[in-house]
Protein backbone atom coordinates (compact mmCIF):
# COMPACT_ATOMS: atom_id res chain seq x y z
CA MET A 1 0.85 -24.01 -8.76
CA LEU A 2 0.52 -27.77 -9.05
CA ALA A 3 3.97 -27.77 -10.65
CA ASP A 4 5.30 -25.90 -7.60
CA LYS A 5 6.75 -28.91 -5.82
CA PRO A 6 7.80 -27.24 -2.54
CA ARG A 7 4.29 -25.85 -2.16
CA THR A 8 2.36 -28.97 -3.10
CA LEU A 9 4.65 -31.43 -1.32
CA ALA A 10 4.48 -29.38 1.88
CA TYR A 11 0.71 -29.82 1.91
CA GLN A 12 0.99 -33.48 0.94
CA ASP A 13 3.45 -34.15 3.75
CA ALA A 14 1.42 -32.16 6.29
CA ILE A 15 -1.68 -34.24 5.46
CA LEU A 16 -0.38 -37.72 4.66
CA GLU A 17 2.37 -37.81 7.29
CA ASN A 18 -0.28 -36.86 9.85
CA GLY A 19 -2.80 -39.20 8.25
CA SER A 20 -4.00 -40.76 11.52
CA LEU A 21 -5.41 -37.36 12.53
CA PHE A 22 -7.55 -37.21 9.37
CA VAL A 23 -9.18 -40.63 9.72
CA GLY A 24 -12.93 -40.24 10.13
CA LYS A 25 -12.75 -36.43 10.26
CA THR A 26 -14.62 -33.70 8.41
CA VAL A 27 -12.40 -31.38 6.36
CA LEU A 28 -13.12 -28.02 4.73
CA ASP A 29 -10.91 -27.07 1.76
CA ILE A 30 -11.18 -23.34 1.01
CA GLY A 31 -10.28 -22.22 -2.52
CA CYS A 32 -9.92 -25.83 -3.62
CA GLY A 33 -8.79 -25.19 -7.21
CA THR A 34 -8.31 -28.53 -8.95
CA GLY A 35 -8.97 -30.30 -5.64
CA ILE A 36 -5.46 -31.55 -4.93
CA LEU A 37 -5.62 -30.77 -1.18
CA SER A 38 -9.04 -32.41 -0.95
CA LEU A 39 -7.64 -35.50 -2.66
CA PHE A 40 -4.79 -35.65 -0.14
CA ALA A 41 -7.29 -35.38 2.74
CA ALA A 42 -9.53 -38.07 1.30
CA LYS A 43 -6.54 -40.34 0.73
CA ALA A 44 -5.53 -39.79 4.38
CA GLY A 45 -8.88 -41.20 5.48
CA ALA A 46 -11.18 -38.20 5.99
CA LYS A 47 -14.85 -39.09 6.32
CA LEU A 48 -16.05 -36.02 4.38
CA VAL A 49 -14.19 -33.27 2.54
CA VAL A 50 -16.12 -30.17 1.48
CA ALA A 51 -14.19 -28.36 -1.25
CA VAL A 52 -15.23 -24.75 -1.91
CA ASP A 53 -14.27 -22.52 -4.82
CA HIS A 54 -15.84 -19.44 -6.39
CA SER A 55 -14.97 -20.26 -10.01
CA ASP A 56 -17.37 -22.19 -12.27
CA ILE A 57 -14.57 -23.48 -14.48
CA ILE A 58 -12.48 -24.61 -11.51
CA VAL A 59 -15.41 -26.30 -9.79
CA ASN A 60 -16.44 -28.20 -12.91
CA ASN A 61 -12.91 -29.44 -13.52
CA ALA A 62 -12.38 -30.32 -9.86
CA ARG A 63 -15.59 -32.36 -9.86
CA THR A 64 -14.42 -34.30 -12.93
CA ILE A 65 -10.96 -34.91 -11.42
CA ILE A 66 -12.47 -36.18 -8.18
CA MET A 67 -14.82 -38.55 -10.01
CA GLU A 68 -12.00 -39.84 -12.22
CA ASN A 69 -10.00 -40.68 -9.10
CA GLY A 70 -12.92 -42.39 -7.35
CA TYR A 71 -13.41 -39.99 -4.44
CA GLU A 72 -16.87 -38.65 -5.33
CA GLN A 73 -18.37 -40.34 -2.25
CA THR A 74 -15.93 -38.55 0.06
CA ILE A 75 -15.40 -35.14 -1.53
CA ARG A 76 -18.29 -32.72 -2.04
CA ILE A 77 -17.63 -29.79 -4.37
CA VAL A 78 -19.42 -26.52 -3.64
CA ARG A 79 -19.29 -23.38 -5.77
CA GLY A 80 -19.59 -19.99 -4.12
CA LYS A 81 -18.05 -17.39 -1.87
CA LEU A 82 -17.50 -19.06 1.47
CA GLU A 83 -18.94 -16.23 3.58
CA ARG A 84 -22.23 -16.41 1.66
CA LEU A 85 -22.77 -20.16 1.73
CA ASP A 86 -25.61 -21.61 3.81
CA PHE A 87 -24.18 -24.96 4.90
CA GLU A 88 -27.45 -26.11 6.48
CA LYS A 89 -29.39 -25.59 3.23
CA LEU A 90 -26.66 -27.51 1.42
CA SER A 91 -27.08 -30.38 3.90
CA LEU A 92 -23.46 -30.01 4.95
CA PRO A 93 -21.84 -29.87 8.39
CA THR A 94 -21.74 -26.41 9.93
CA ARG A 95 -18.53 -27.18 11.86
CA TYR A 96 -15.39 -29.00 10.70
CA ASP A 97 -12.53 -30.84 12.37
CA ILE A 98 -9.89 -29.50 9.98
CA ILE A 99 -9.69 -26.52 7.65
CA ILE A 100 -7.07 -26.59 4.91
CA SER A 101 -6.36 -23.87 2.39
CA GLU A 102 -3.59 -22.54 0.20
CA TRP A 103 -4.62 -18.94 0.80
CA MET A 104 -1.25 -17.17 0.69
CA GLY A 105 -0.49 -14.42 -1.81
CA TYR A 106 2.69 -12.64 -2.83
CA PHE A 107 4.51 -11.34 0.25
CA LEU A 108 1.96 -13.52 2.04
CA LEU A 109 -0.83 -10.94 2.11
CA PHE A 110 -1.04 -9.48 -1.42
CA GLU A 111 -4.19 -10.90 -3.05
CA GLY A 112 -4.32 -13.49 -0.29
CA MET A 113 -7.45 -14.85 1.35
CA LEU A 114 -6.53 -14.43 4.99
CA ASP A 115 -9.76 -12.63 5.82
CA THR A 116 -11.75 -15.61 4.49
CA ILE A 117 -9.66 -18.07 6.50
CA LEU A 118 -10.18 -16.14 9.72
CA TYR A 119 -13.91 -15.98 9.03
CA ALA A 120 -13.97 -19.75 8.49
CA ARG A 121 -11.98 -20.30 11.69
CA ASP A 122 -14.51 -18.34 13.74
CA HIS A 123 -17.68 -19.68 12.11
CA LEU A 124 -16.93 -23.14 10.71
CA LEU A 125 -14.10 -24.72 12.73
CA LYS A 126 -14.85 -26.92 15.75
CA PRO A 127 -13.49 -25.63 19.11
CA GLN A 128 -10.55 -28.05 19.09
CA GLY A 129 -10.22 -28.09 15.30
CA ALA A 130 -7.01 -27.67 13.32
CA LEU A 131 -5.93 -25.15 10.69
CA LEU A 132 -3.46 -26.03 7.95
CA PRO A 133 -1.24 -24.03 7.85
CA SER A 134 -1.55 -22.60 11.35
CA ARG A 135 1.30 -20.10 11.70
CA CYS A 136 3.05 -17.64 9.40
CA LYS A 137 6.16 -15.49 9.61
CA MET A 138 7.26 -12.65 7.34
CA PHE A 139 10.87 -11.60 6.82
CA LEU A 140 12.76 -8.69 5.33
CA SER A 141 16.39 -8.38 4.27
CA ALA A 142 18.60 -6.20 2.08
CA PHE A 143 20.21 -7.32 -1.17
CA PHE A 144 23.01 -6.39 -3.53
CA ASP A 145 22.51 -7.05 -7.25
CA CYS A 146 24.20 -4.81 -9.82
CA LYS A 147 22.58 -6.64 -12.71
CA PHE A 148 19.10 -6.20 -11.25
CA TYR A 149 19.78 -2.49 -10.76
CA GLU A 150 21.16 -2.06 -14.27
CA ASN A 151 18.24 -3.89 -15.88
CA ASN A 152 15.42 -2.36 -13.85
CA ILE A 153 16.53 1.09 -12.68
CA ASP A 154 19.64 2.37 -14.46
CA PHE A 155 18.15 1.14 -17.76
CA TRP A 156 15.83 4.16 -17.91
CA ASN A 157 18.68 6.66 -17.99
CA ASP A 158 19.65 5.65 -21.52
CA VAL A 159 16.95 3.88 -23.54
CA TYR A 160 18.36 3.55 -27.07
CA GLY A 161 20.01 6.93 -26.65
CA PHE A 162 17.05 8.68 -25.00
CA ASN A 163 16.73 9.83 -21.40
CA MET A 164 13.64 8.26 -19.83
CA SER A 165 14.71 8.68 -16.21
CA SER A 166 11.32 10.18 -15.35
CA MET A 167 10.02 6.59 -15.42
CA ILE A 168 12.17 5.57 -12.44
CA THR A 169 9.89 7.09 -9.81
CA ASP A 170 6.88 5.11 -11.02
CA VAL A 171 8.90 1.93 -11.63
CA THR A 172 10.21 1.92 -8.09
CA LYS A 173 6.73 2.37 -6.65
CA GLU A 174 5.94 -1.18 -7.69
CA ALA A 175 7.25 -4.17 -5.83
CA THR A 176 8.67 -6.85 -8.12
CA ILE A 177 8.11 -10.58 -7.84
CA ASP A 178 11.35 -12.36 -8.71
CA LEU A 179 14.03 -14.67 -7.36
CA ILE A 180 16.99 -13.28 -5.45
CA ALA A 181 20.07 -15.49 -5.36
CA PRO A 182 21.07 -16.32 -1.78
CA GLU A 183 24.59 -14.97 -2.35
CA ASN A 184 23.05 -11.55 -3.07
CA ILE A 185 21.52 -11.28 0.39
CA CYS A 186 23.94 -8.95 2.15
CA THR A 187 22.58 -8.96 5.71
CA THR A 188 20.72 -11.15 8.16
CA ALA A 189 16.96 -11.40 7.84
CA GLU A 190 14.70 -9.54 10.22
CA LYS A 191 11.39 -11.08 11.24
CA ILE A 192 8.73 -8.41 10.70
CA CYS A 193 5.63 -10.41 11.56
CA ASP A 194 4.80 -13.65 13.35
CA PHE A 195 1.18 -14.61 13.80
CA ASP A 196 -0.77 -17.65 14.86
CA LEU A 197 -3.89 -18.19 12.77
CA ASN A 198 -5.50 -19.96 15.70
CA SER A 199 -5.45 -16.90 17.93
CA CYS A 200 -5.05 -13.71 15.88
CA GLY A 201 -8.12 -11.49 15.74
CA GLU A 202 -10.57 -11.67 12.85
CA ASN A 203 -9.59 -8.09 11.96
CA PHE A 204 -5.90 -9.01 11.66
CA SER A 205 -6.06 -9.05 7.85
CA THR A 206 -7.34 -5.46 7.75
CA THR A 207 -5.05 -4.11 10.49
CA ASP A 208 -1.78 -2.41 9.55
CA ILE A 209 1.38 -4.33 10.41
CA ILE A 210 4.09 -1.97 11.67
CA SER A 211 7.52 -3.39 12.40
CA SER A 212 10.93 -1.85 12.98
CA PHE A 213 14.11 -3.51 11.74
CA GLU A 214 17.85 -3.13 12.09
CA PHE A 215 20.22 -4.67 9.58
CA HIS A 216 23.82 -5.21 10.71
CA PHE A 217 26.63 -5.31 8.14
CA LYS A 218 29.86 -7.21 8.76
CA ASN A 219 31.36 -6.07 5.44
CA ASP A 220 31.20 -3.00 3.25
CA SER A 221 27.99 -3.37 1.26
CA THR A 222 25.91 -1.70 -1.41
CA ILE A 223 22.16 -2.06 -1.04
CA HIS A 224 20.14 -2.06 -4.26
CA GLY A 225 16.87 -2.86 -2.56
CA PHE A 226 15.05 -4.84 0.07
CA VAL A 227 13.58 -8.29 -0.27
CA GLY A 228 10.72 -9.92 1.60
CA TRP A 229 9.43 -13.47 1.95
CA PHE A 230 7.36 -15.65 4.24
CA ASP A 231 7.32 -19.09 5.86
CA CYS A 232 4.22 -21.12 6.73
CA TYR A 233 4.14 -23.66 9.56
CA PHE A 234 1.90 -26.71 9.66
CA ASP A 235 2.32 -27.15 13.40
CA SER A 236 -1.19 -28.05 14.51
CA MET A 237 -0.48 -31.72 13.76
CA THR A 238 1.91 -34.29 15.21
CA LYS A 239 4.64 -33.78 12.61
CA LEU A 240 5.77 -30.23 11.89
CA ILE A 241 6.08 -29.26 8.21
CA ILE A 242 7.45 -25.88 7.09
CA LEU A 243 6.83 -24.28 3.71
CA SER A 244 9.47 -21.60 3.09
CA THR A 245 9.66 -19.02 0.30
CA SER A 246 13.10 -17.84 1.46
CA PRO A 247 15.92 -17.15 -1.04
CA PHE A 248 17.77 -19.94 0.79
CA ALA A 249 15.00 -22.50 0.13
CA GLU A 250 13.93 -24.27 -3.04
CA PRO A 251 12.12 -21.71 -5.26
CA THR A 252 8.34 -21.55 -5.22
CA HIS A 253 5.87 -19.75 -7.49
CA TRP A 254 5.72 -16.98 -4.87
CA LYS A 255 9.44 -16.33 -5.45
CA GLN A 256 10.48 -13.30 -3.35
CA THR A 257 9.12 -9.78 -3.20
CA ILE A 258 11.64 -7.13 -4.20
CA PHE A 259 11.42 -3.49 -3.14
CA PRO A 260 13.92 -1.69 -5.41
CA LEU A 261 15.72 1.53 -4.47
CA LYS A 262 15.94 4.50 -6.80
CA GLU A 263 19.54 4.96 -5.70
CA PRO A 264 21.93 2.45 -4.09
CA ILE A 265 22.89 2.84 -0.44
CA ILE A 266 26.51 2.37 0.62
CA VAL A 267 26.97 0.86 4.08
CA GLN A 268 30.34 0.48 5.77
CA SER A 269 31.31 -2.63 7.71
CA GLY A 270 30.21 -2.56 11.31
CA LYS A 271 27.39 -0.12 10.55
CA SER A 272 23.66 -0.70 10.70
CA VAL A 273 20.61 0.36 8.71
CA CYS A 274 17.50 0.95 10.81
CA GLY A 275 14.02 1.43 9.54
CA GLU A 276 10.37 0.63 9.68
CA ILE A 277 7.99 -1.24 7.39
CA ARG A 278 4.25 -0.67 7.35
CA ILE A 279 1.96 -3.13 5.61
CA GLY A 280 -1.79 -2.75 5.28
CA LYS A 281 -4.82 -2.91 3.07
CA GLN A 282 -4.73 -0.32 0.34
CA LYS A 283 -6.90 2.66 1.23
CA GLN A 284 -10.07 2.75 -0.81
CA ARG A 285 -9.81 5.21 -3.68
CA ALA A 286 -12.25 6.24 -6.35
CA ASN A 287 -10.16 4.54 -9.02
CA ASN A 288 -9.09 1.56 -6.93
CA ASN A 289 -11.59 -0.43 -4.92
CA ASP A 290 -9.72 -3.71 -4.72
CA PRO A 291 -10.22 -5.20 -1.24
CA ARG A 292 -7.19 -7.48 -1.71
CA ALA A 293 -4.74 -4.75 -2.68
CA LEU A 294 -1.79 -4.15 -0.41
CA GLU A 295 -0.02 -0.95 0.53
CA ILE A 296 3.57 -1.06 1.81
CA CYS A 297 5.64 1.82 3.18
CA LEU A 298 9.37 1.50 3.82
CA LEU A 299 11.06 4.13 5.94
CA LEU A 300 14.77 4.41 6.76
CA GLN A 301 16.31 6.26 9.66
CA GLN A 302 18.57 9.15 8.70
CA PRO A 303 21.37 9.83 8.08
CA ILE A 304 22.11 7.23 5.40
CA GLN A 305 25.01 7.47 3.00
CA CYS A 306 23.60 7.30 -0.51
CA LYS A 307 26.31 7.08 -3.13
CA LEU A 308 26.35 5.61 -6.58
CA GLU A 309 28.40 2.78 -7.97
CA PRO A 310 30.76 3.72 -10.83
CA PHE A 311 28.62 1.90 -13.39
CA SER A 312 25.63 4.21 -12.81
CA PHE A 313 24.85 7.63 -14.27
CA TYR A 314 21.75 8.11 -12.17
CA HIS A 315 22.10 11.25 -9.99
CA CYS A 316 18.57 11.86 -8.71
CA ARG A 317 17.67 11.97 -5.04
CA ILE A 318 16.48 8.83 -3.33
CA ILE A 319 12.93 10.20 -3.49
CA ALA A 320 11.66 13.46 -4.91
CA ASN A 321 9.39 14.34 -2.00
CA ALA A 322 11.03 13.07 1.18
CA CYS A 323 8.66 12.62 4.11
CA ARG A 324 10.38 12.81 7.50
CA MET A 325 8.60 11.28 10.46
CA HIS A 326 10.26 10.83 13.86
CA GLY A 327 13.74 10.69 12.36
CA PHE A 328 12.73 8.45 9.46
CA GLU A 329 12.64 9.20 5.76
CA LEU A 330 10.06 7.60 3.53
CA ILE A 331 11.97 5.81 0.77
CA HIS A 332 9.08 4.01 -0.88
CA HIS A 333 5.34 3.87 -0.81
CA PHE A 334 4.54 0.71 -2.75
CA THR A 335 0.96 0.30 -3.90
CA SER A 336 1.22 -2.49 -6.45
CA PHE A 337 3.19 -5.53 -7.54
CA GLN A 338 4.55 -6.48 -10.94
């Protein structure tokens, strides 16, 4: 992640270009990793930076890095899960002027630490304190990519001469993390979520996000899947900095999140595709008790013309067990990422 320049430079710019607001302040860095954000804050003039991480290896390395750079008097490294730390017993402030964290996961919420950030906001941030970043937006669009479809879906119809098409159902249940070329985006992006970390409820991270969308097509198009991304806004300071994971921005380690279709959808010019996306914590199951797992449902309004491109020999239905709800058909129920 340190080699992810758009990510790291966005934080550097948000801190150093708003340096006057850090002078003499107390800063809490959640999930500090190697301590790069703490180093930026100390360089900007913070009086005290408390850097928290749950990993022994990370904490030990961060402590060494901080000492080697001469900031051991400003930055205090603490190991542990933030919610379980007793700041008074550690002789640390119980409220901070600024909280910084790189908490975002794939598609913003997958394996992210939003619940921890909201806890810290409510229990450790001063009333007029600042969060970095402070606002996030999530987007969804449709894409066309024959090569992606051939390599990831159509591939299973002829694997060295053998039919393995039964794999397609399971393959398309998993969202894929990859880069989509901007020229392959075939419709405008729809904003599916916009939330302010300063004001959203503490239960936001465990509440399902339900958003409808409508994609308009100016030209005849073939949809091979849907693609999601997010932007983060550092707008609680004087100078606004935006970190974007869009296909139209410089690539980051988050890339984009791809939701592949089992069968391409043909859309004529002037037509629209309407649907709904539902995002929430994965329901607890006996064999899956991961509190950071994410469950995503994509539903499309019927009727939709589903035809195949000439290159494909795949003739299965879009989903074996269609689930119709209020005029929508469930096209995917994603429960994991690959």
